[in-house]
Amino acid sequence: MNTLWSQTQGDLSVDDFVARLTRLAKQLPTLDDGMLKHAVIRRFKPHIRTHVLQANVQTMTELLQPARIAK
């Protein structure tokens, strides 16, 4: 699980970053969607994270729209 939590978005697009973390999460069978959502939001660039948190997203699918807008 450390690999998932140590990722940073860096220069990756929102979609590429979410895809990377989703692939890593599939290697962790005990990780649920809520934990993955938390990991993704936590590791977004600060301005993207703020926008997503303000949108009060509930699912992984919901977080993509505000994250793409904030890019």
N, C-alpha and C. Protein backbone atom coordinates (compact mmCIF):
# COMPACT_ATOMS: atom_id res chain seq x y z
N MET A 1 0.81 -1.19 0.00
CA MET A 1 0.00 0.00 0.00
C MET A 1 0.86 1.26 0.00
N ASN A 2 2.07 1.19 0.49
CA ASN A 2 2.93 2.36 0.52
C ASN A 2 3.15 2.94 -0.87
N THR A 3 3.23 2.10 -1.88
CA THR A 3 3.43 2.57 -3.24
C THR A 3 2.27 3.48 -3.65
N LEU A 4 1.07 3.09 -3.33
CA LEU A 4 -0.10 3.89 -3.67
C LEU A 4 -0.05 5.24 -2.98
N TRP A 5 0.28 5.25 -1.72
CA TRP A 5 0.26 6.49 -0.94
C TRP A 5 1.47 7.38 -1.18
N SER A 6 2.49 6.86 -1.84
CA SER A 6 3.69 7.67 -2.07
C SER A 6 3.71 8.31 -3.46
N GLN A 7 2.73 8.04 -4.28
CA GLN A 7 2.67 8.61 -5.62
C GLN A 7 2.38 10.11 -5.55
N THR A 8 2.92 10.84 -6.49
CA THR A 8 2.57 12.25 -6.65
C THR A 8 2.13 12.48 -8.08
N GLN A 9 1.30 13.47 -8.28
CA GLN A 9 0.77 13.74 -9.62
C GLN A 9 1.86 14.25 -10.55
N GLY A 10 2.72 15.09 -10.05
CA GLY A 10 3.79 15.63 -10.88
C GLY A 10 3.24 16.27 -12.14
N ASP A 11 3.79 15.90 -13.28
CA ASP A 11 3.37 16.47 -14.57
C ASP A 11 2.27 15.65 -15.24
N LEU A 12 1.80 14.61 -14.58
CA LEU A 12 0.75 13.77 -15.18
C LEU A 12 -0.57 14.53 -15.25
N SER A 13 -1.33 14.25 -16.30
CA SER A 13 -2.68 14.80 -16.38
C SER A 13 -3.53 14.15 -15.29
N VAL A 14 -4.68 14.74 -15.02
CA VAL A 14 -5.60 14.17 -14.04
C VAL A 14 -5.96 12.74 -14.44
N ASP A 15 -6.32 12.55 -15.70
CA ASP A 15 -6.73 11.21 -16.14
C ASP A 15 -5.61 10.19 -16.04
N ASP A 16 -4.39 10.58 -16.42
CA ASP A 16 -3.26 9.66 -16.34
C ASP A 16 -2.93 9.32 -14.89
N PHE A 17 -3.01 10.31 -14.02
CA PHE A 17 -2.72 10.08 -12.61
C PHE A 17 -3.75 9.16 -11.97
N VAL A 18 -5.02 9.40 -12.25
CA VAL A 18 -6.08 8.54 -11.71
C VAL A 18 -5.92 7.12 -12.25
N ALA A 19 -5.60 6.99 -13.53
CA ALA A 19 -5.39 5.65 -14.12
C ALA A 19 -4.23 4.93 -13.44
N ARG A 20 -3.14 5.66 -13.17
CA ARG A 20 -1.98 5.05 -12.51
C ARG A 20 -2.35 4.53 -11.12
N LEU A 21 -3.04 5.36 -10.34
CA LEU A 21 -3.40 4.95 -8.99
C LEU A 21 -4.44 3.82 -9.01
N THR A 22 -5.32 3.84 -9.98
CA THR A 22 -6.30 2.76 -10.10
C THR A 22 -5.60 1.44 -10.41
N ARG A 23 -4.61 1.47 -11.29
CA ARG A 23 -3.84 0.24 -11.59
C ARG A 23 -3.13 -0.27 -10.33
N LEU A 24 -2.52 0.64 -9.58
CA LEU A 24 -1.84 0.24 -8.34
C LEU A 24 -2.83 -0.34 -7.34
N ALA A 25 -4.02 0.24 -7.27
CA ALA A 25 -5.03 -0.21 -6.31
C ALA A 25 -5.50 -1.63 -6.61
N LYS A 26 -5.49 -2.01 -7.87
CA LYS A 26 -5.93 -3.37 -8.24
C LYS A 26 -4.99 -4.43 -7.67
N GLN A 27 -3.79 -4.04 -7.32
CA GLN A 27 -2.83 -4.97 -6.72
C GLN A 27 -3.07 -5.13 -5.22
N LEU A 28 -3.99 -4.33 -4.68
CA LEU A 28 -4.29 -4.35 -3.25
C LEU A 28 -5.75 -4.77 -3.06
N PRO A 29 -6.01 -6.05 -2.95
CA PRO A 29 -7.39 -6.53 -2.92
C PRO A 29 -8.23 -6.01 -1.76
N THR A 30 -7.61 -5.57 -0.69
CA THR A 30 -8.38 -5.09 0.45
C THR A 30 -8.73 -3.60 0.35
N LEU A 31 -8.24 -2.94 -0.69
CA LEU A 31 -8.49 -1.51 -0.86
C LEU A 31 -9.85 -1.30 -1.51
N ASP A 32 -10.72 -0.55 -0.84
CA ASP A 32 -12.04 -0.29 -1.43
C ASP A 32 -12.04 1.05 -2.17
N ASP A 33 -13.14 1.34 -2.85
CA ASP A 33 -13.22 2.56 -3.66
C ASP A 33 -13.08 3.82 -2.82
N GLY A 34 -13.59 3.80 -1.60
CA GLY A 34 -13.46 4.96 -0.74
C GLY A 34 -12.02 5.27 -0.39
N MET A 35 -11.26 4.23 -0.12
CA MET A 35 -9.84 4.42 0.18
C MET A 35 -9.08 4.90 -1.05
N LEU A 36 -9.42 4.35 -2.22
CA LEU A 36 -8.77 4.79 -3.45
C LEU A 36 -9.10 6.26 -3.71
N LYS A 37 -10.35 6.63 -3.54
CA LYS A 37 -10.76 8.03 -3.74
C LYS A 37 -9.95 8.94 -2.82
N HIS A 38 -9.83 8.55 -1.58
CA HIS A 38 -9.06 9.34 -0.61
C HIS A 38 -7.60 9.45 -1.04
N ALA A 39 -7.01 8.35 -1.49
CA ALA A 39 -5.61 8.37 -1.92
C ALA A 39 -5.42 9.29 -3.11
N VAL A 40 -6.33 9.22 -4.08
CA VAL A 40 -6.21 10.06 -5.27
C VAL A 40 -6.32 11.53 -4.89
N ILE A 41 -7.35 11.87 -4.14
CA ILE A 41 -7.55 13.27 -3.76
C ILE A 41 -6.35 13.79 -2.96
N ARG A 42 -5.88 12.98 -2.06
CA ARG A 42 -4.76 13.40 -1.19
C ARG A 42 -3.49 13.68 -2.00
N ARG A 43 -3.31 12.97 -3.10
CA ARG A 43 -2.07 13.09 -3.86
C ARG A 43 -2.17 14.01 -5.07
N PHE A 44 -3.36 14.58 -5.33
CA PHE A 44 -3.49 15.58 -6.38
C PHE A 44 -2.63 16.80 -6.05
N LYS A 45 -2.34 17.60 -7.08
CA LYS A 45 -1.70 18.90 -6.85
C LYS A 45 -2.62 19.70 -5.93
N PRO A 46 -2.05 20.56 -5.08
CA PRO A 46 -2.88 21.28 -4.09
C PRO A 46 -4.09 22.01 -4.66
N HIS A 47 -3.94 22.71 -5.77
CA HIS A 47 -5.08 23.47 -6.30
C HIS A 47 -6.17 22.54 -6.84
N ILE A 48 -5.79 21.38 -7.35
CA ILE A 48 -6.77 20.41 -7.83
C ILE A 48 -7.47 19.77 -6.63
N ARG A 49 -6.68 19.40 -5.63
CA ARG A 49 -7.24 18.80 -4.41
C ARG A 49 -8.29 19.72 -3.79
N THR A 50 -7.97 21.01 -3.69
CA THR A 50 -8.90 21.97 -3.10
C THR A 50 -10.21 22.02 -3.89
N HIS A 51 -10.10 22.07 -5.19
CA HIS A 51 -11.30 22.14 -6.04
C HIS A 51 -12.16 20.88 -5.88
N VAL A 52 -11.53 19.73 -5.87
CA VAL A 52 -12.25 18.46 -5.73
C VAL A 52 -12.91 18.38 -4.35
N LEU A 53 -12.21 18.77 -3.32
CA LEU A 53 -12.79 18.73 -1.97
C LEU A 53 -13.98 19.67 -1.85
N GLN A 54 -13.90 20.84 -2.47
CA GLN A 54 -15.02 21.78 -2.43
C GLN A 54 -16.24 21.24 -3.17
N ALA A 55 -16.00 20.37 -4.16
CA ALA A 55 -17.10 19.77 -4.92
C ALA A 55 -17.80 18.67 -4.12
N ASN A 56 -17.20 18.27 -3.00
CA ASN A 56 -17.78 17.25 -2.13
C ASN A 56 -18.16 15.97 -2.89
N VAL A 57 -17.21 15.46 -3.65
CA VAL A 57 -17.46 14.25 -4.45
C VAL A 57 -17.62 13.03 -3.58
N GLN A 58 -18.42 12.10 -4.05
CA GLN A 58 -18.69 10.88 -3.28
C GLN A 58 -18.08 9.63 -3.91
N THR A 59 -17.76 9.69 -5.20
CA THR A 59 -17.24 8.51 -5.90
C THR A 59 -16.04 8.88 -6.75
N MET A 60 -15.34 7.86 -7.20
CA MET A 60 -14.22 8.06 -8.11
C MET A 60 -14.69 8.72 -9.40
N THR A 61 -15.82 8.32 -9.90
CA THR A 61 -16.34 8.89 -11.14
C THR A 61 -16.64 10.38 -10.95
N GLU A 62 -17.22 10.73 -9.82
CA GLU A 62 -17.55 12.13 -9.55
C GLU A 62 -16.32 13.01 -9.41
N LEU A 63 -15.20 12.48 -8.96
CA LEU A 63 -14.04 13.33 -8.73
C LEU A 63 -13.36 13.76 -10.01
N LEU A 64 -13.57 13.04 -11.10
CA LEU A 64 -12.90 13.38 -12.35
C LEU A 64 -13.32 14.73 -12.90
N GLN A 65 -14.60 15.04 -12.89
CA GLN A 65 -15.07 16.29 -13.48
C GLN A 65 -14.45 17.53 -12.82
N PRO A 66 -14.57 17.69 -11.50
CA PRO A 66 -13.96 18.89 -10.89
C PRO A 66 -12.43 18.89 -11.00
N ALA A 67 -11.83 17.71 -11.00
CA ALA A 67 -10.36 17.64 -11.14
C ALA A 67 -9.94 18.10 -12.52
N ARG A 68 -10.69 17.70 -13.55
CA ARG A 68 -10.36 18.14 -14.91
C ARG A 68 -10.55 19.63 -15.07
N ILE A 69 -11.56 20.18 -14.44
CA ILE A 69 -11.81 21.63 -14.52
C ILE A 69 -10.67 22.39 -13.85
N ALA A 70 -10.19 21.88 -12.73
CA ALA A 70 -9.15 22.59 -11.96
C ALA A 70 -7.76 22.45 -12.56
N LYS A 71 -7.56 21.51 -13.44
CA LYS A 71 -6.24 21.19 -13.95
C LYS A 71 -5.40 22.41 -14.13
